[in-house]
C-alpha cells in the first residue's frame, strides 16, 4: 500500500511513507507482566523498549524536515532491531 500510494501521489508532490513501531513504552506496555517484558527486551538487539519520543522524532522528521522531501515509498521499522532477529 505504501508503494502504491507513493506512486499515485508523487505527481502531486506528496510523499508517502510508513512508520512501524515495535515495542514502545506506553500505557499498553505498562500493564504487561514484568517477566514478559524482560523476555521481550531480551530478544531486542538494543535490549530495551522504545520511547514515544523516538517514534515522534522520526515522524516529525518525515513530516517537517525539508531534507525528507525526497523520501517516499518506504517503510521505517523503529523497533530496536527486533525485525532483524537475534
Protein backbone atom coordinates (compact mmCIF):
# COMPACT_ATOMS: atom_id res chain seq x y z
CA UNK A 1 0.00 0.00 0.00
CA UNK A 2 2.87 2.35 0.79
CA UNK A 3 4.41 1.73 -2.63
CA UNK A 4 1.12 2.12 -4.49
CA UNK A 5 0.20 5.35 -2.72
CA UNK A 6 3.72 6.75 -3.12
CA UNK A 7 3.49 6.18 -6.88
CA UNK A 8 -0.04 7.55 -7.08
CA UNK A 9 0.62 10.79 -5.19
CA UNK A 10 4.19 11.52 -6.32
CA UNK A 11 2.97 13.53 -9.32
CA UNK A 12 1.20 15.84 -6.85
CA UNK A 13 4.34 16.33 -4.76
CA UNK A 14 3.02 14.21 -1.90
CA UNK A 15 5.32 11.73 -0.21
CA UNK A 16 4.03 8.55 1.42
CA UNK A 17 5.96 6.55 3.99
CA UNK A 18 5.03 4.10 6.74
CA UNK A 19 6.32 4.16 10.33
CA UNK A 20 6.17 0.77 12.05
CA UNK A 21 6.95 0.97 15.76
CA UNK A 22 7.91 -2.11 17.73
CA UNK A 23 7.51 -2.38 21.49
CA UNK A 24 7.23 1.20 22.76
CA UNK A 25 6.89 2.27 26.40
CA UNK A 26 3.22 3.24 26.80
CA UNK A 27 0.12 2.66 28.91
CA UNK A 28 -0.35 -0.57 26.94
CA UNK A 29 3.06 -1.95 27.86
CA UNK A 30 2.83 -0.79 31.50
CA UNK A 31 0.13 -3.39 32.15
CA UNK A 32 2.24 -6.25 30.79
CA UNK A 33 3.88 -8.66 33.19
CA UNK A 34 7.46 -7.68 34.09
CA UNK A 35 8.69 -11.19 33.30
CA UNK A 36 7.17 -10.95 29.81
CA UNK A 37 8.72 -7.52 29.24
CA UNK A 38 12.11 -8.88 30.32
CA UNK A 39 11.76 -11.70 27.78
CA UNK A 40 10.80 -9.26 25.03
CA UNK A 41 13.67 -6.92 25.89
CA UNK A 42 16.00 -9.91 25.75
CA UNK A 43 15.29 -10.52 22.06
CA UNK A 44 15.52 -6.85 21.07
CA UNK A 45 19.10 -6.17 19.95
CA UNK A 46 19.12 -2.81 21.78
CA UNK A 47 17.84 -4.65 24.91
CA UNK A 48 15.09 -2.16 25.76
CA UNK A 49 11.69 -0.90 24.72
CA UNK A 50 11.49 2.20 22.59
CA UNK A 51 10.43 5.59 23.84
CA UNK A 52 7.50 7.56 22.44
CA UNK A 53 9.84 10.48 21.70
CA UNK A 54 11.90 8.24 19.41
CA UNK A 55 8.85 7.42 17.28
CA UNK A 56 7.73 11.05 17.39
CA UNK A 57 11.17 12.19 16.26
CA UNK A 58 11.05 10.01 13.16
CA UNK A 59 7.53 11.06 12.23
CA UNK A 60 8.37 14.72 12.85
CA UNK A 61 11.40 14.39 10.59
CA UNK A 62 9.43 12.77 7.77
CA UNK A 63 6.61 15.31 8.05
CA UNK A 64 8.51 18.55 8.55
CA UNK A 65 12.18 18.41 7.65
CA UNK A 66 12.91 19.68 4.13
CA UNK A 67 15.62 17.03 3.73
CA UNK A 68 12.86 14.36 3.84
CA UNK A 69 11.14 15.78 0.76
CA UNK A 70 12.85 13.20 -1.48
CA UNK A 71 11.92 10.17 0.65
CA UNK A 72 8.84 8.30 -0.49
CA UNK A 73 7.56 4.74 -0.67
CA UNK A 74 9.49 3.47 2.33
CA UNK A 75 8.64 1.58 5.49
CA UNK A 76 10.61 2.55 8.57
CA UNK A 77 10.82 0.00 11.37
CA UNK A 78 11.57 1.71 14.65
CA UNK A 79 11.86 -1.39 16.77
CA UNK A 80 15.29 -1.53 18.37
CA UNK A 81 16.35 -4.07 15.76
CA UNK A 82 13.84 -6.82 16.66
CA UNK A 83 12.91 -7.07 12.98
CA UNK A 84 16.42 -8.22 12.08
CA UNK A 85 16.32 -11.10 14.55
CA UNK A 86 18.85 -12.20 17.12
